[in-house]
Structure formats: C-alpha cells, structure tokens
Protein backbone atom coordinates (compact mmCIF):
# COMPACT_ATOMS: atom_id res chain seq x y z
CA MET A 1 0.06 -0.13 -0.24
CA ALA A 2 1.05 3.59 -0.58
CA ILE A 3 1.83 6.02 2.04
CA LEU A 4 0.34 9.53 1.51
CA THR A 5 1.21 12.78 3.68
CA VAL A 6 -0.67 15.43 3.78
CA ARG A 7 0.75 18.96 5.07
CA ASN A 8 -0.78 21.96 6.15
CA VAL A 9 -3.88 20.83 7.10
CA PRO A 10 -5.90 23.72 8.69
CA ASP A 11 -6.58 23.17 12.65
CA ASP A 12 -10.34 23.30 12.32
CA VAL A 13 -10.29 20.57 9.32
CA HIS A 14 -8.36 18.38 11.52
CA ARG A 15 -10.63 18.80 14.38
CA ALA A 16 -13.42 18.14 12.29
CA LEU A 17 -11.76 15.01 11.09
CA ARG A 18 -11.05 13.76 14.57
CA VAL A 19 -14.87 14.36 15.41
CA ARG A 20 -16.23 12.52 12.21
CA ALA A 21 -13.65 9.66 12.94
CA ALA A 22 -14.72 9.44 16.51
CA GLN A 23 -18.38 9.50 15.36
CA HIS A 24 -17.57 6.48 13.27
CA GLY A 25 -15.79 4.68 15.95
CA ARG A 26 -12.67 5.01 13.68
CA SER A 27 -9.04 6.70 14.03
CA THR A 28 -8.57 9.75 12.31
CA GLU A 29 -6.23 7.84 9.46
CA ALA A 30 -8.88 5.48 8.85
CA GLU A 31 -11.65 8.37 8.38
CA VAL A 32 -9.39 10.23 5.74
CA ARG A 33 -8.63 6.73 3.95
CA GLU A 34 -12.67 6.27 3.93
CA ILE A 35 -13.32 9.51 2.70
CA LEU A 36 -10.89 9.63 -0.09
CA ALA A 37 -12.14 6.04 -1.14
CA ALA A 38 -15.59 7.29 -1.06
CA VAL A 39 -14.67 10.44 -3.09
CA VAL A 40 -12.49 8.69 -5.81
CA LYS A 41 -14.65 5.51 -6.02
CA PRO A 42 -18.03 6.17 -5.62
CA GLU A 43 -20.21 3.34 -5.72
CA GLN A 44 -22.69 4.84 -7.97
CA ARG A 45 -19.65 5.75 -10.66
CA VAL A 46 -20.41 5.20 -14.24
CA ARG A 47 -19.08 1.70 -15.39
CA VAL A 48 -18.33 1.89 -19.42
CA GLY A 49 -19.48 -1.89 -19.93
CA GLU A 50 -23.19 -0.80 -18.00
CA ALA A 51 -23.45 2.45 -19.79
CA LEU A 52 -23.15 0.84 -23.40
CA ALA A 53 -25.40 -1.75 -22.54
CA ALA A 54 -27.96 0.63 -21.46
CA ILE A 55 -27.45 2.96 -24.60
CA GLY A 56 -28.13 -0.50 -26.67
CA ARG A 57 -31.67 -1.28 -24.30
CA LYS A 58 -32.46 2.30 -24.89
CA ILE A 59 -32.35 2.23 -28.74
CA GLY A 60 -33.69 -1.33 -29.05
CA LEU A 61 -30.50 -3.09 -30.17
CA THR A 62 -30.86 -6.71 -30.74
CA ASN A 63 -28.72 -10.07 -30.77
CA ASP A 64 -29.38 -9.75 -34.88
CA ASP A 65 -27.96 -6.31 -34.77
CA VAL A 66 -25.07 -7.30 -33.16
CA ALA A 67 -24.57 -10.14 -35.50
CA VAL A 68 -24.62 -7.40 -38.28
CA PHE A 69 -21.95 -5.53 -36.70
CA GLU A 70 -20.05 -8.58 -36.39
CA SER A 71 -20.18 -9.69 -39.76
CA VAL A 72 -18.89 -6.32 -41.32
CA ARG A 73 -16.11 -5.84 -38.66
CA ASP A 74 -12.81 -5.29 -39.96
CA LYS A 75 -10.88 -8.50 -38.54
CA THR A 76 -7.39 -7.61 -39.75
CA PRO A 77 -5.15 -8.01 -36.69
CA ALA A 78 -4.06 -4.54 -35.64
CA LYS A 79 -0.17 -3.90 -36.13
CA PRO A 80 1.75 -3.12 -32.98
CA LEU A 81 3.36 0.35 -32.21
CA SER A 82 6.61 1.17 -33.48
CA PHE A 83 8.44 3.99 -31.86
CA ASP A 84 11.36 4.17 -34.26
C-alpha cells in the first residue's frame, strides 16, 4: 500500500476529521482513507460496460443487430506500435 502525507491541514479541518472519525468509531487515519475512497471511487460511478449496455437497450439493439456489426467488422489484426 502507498503512504500519503498531507501537510498544512488547517486546525479546524483536522479537528472536524477527528470528530467525524470518533462518530464512526475509527481512527482519524482510517476516516481519511474512507473519505478518499468514497470520493475517488464512489459506488454510483458510471461503468463503461453498463453505460453501453443501457444505451443499447434504450435504442432497442437486438442480438441480430450485433450479428450484423460482427459480420461487417474489420477483423484484420492491429499492427503493433513502432517508436522508431
């Protein structure tokens, strides 16, 4: 796991973190981890696959439509990148 140091946290913010941690029965450090995780990885985040499936359902895409896409798709293998 990574270590993160946050400097110059205002006293009132630190005090609020300690109070919030106590309310949740956690250490201040555990509370900060929980807050960070909730902000950067919310449970309601949009997942690309789910979003694409929802769009397909909304426009009425069927398995037959997908089969047509597959039949006309270019199946030539991609060439690897060259940085020469």
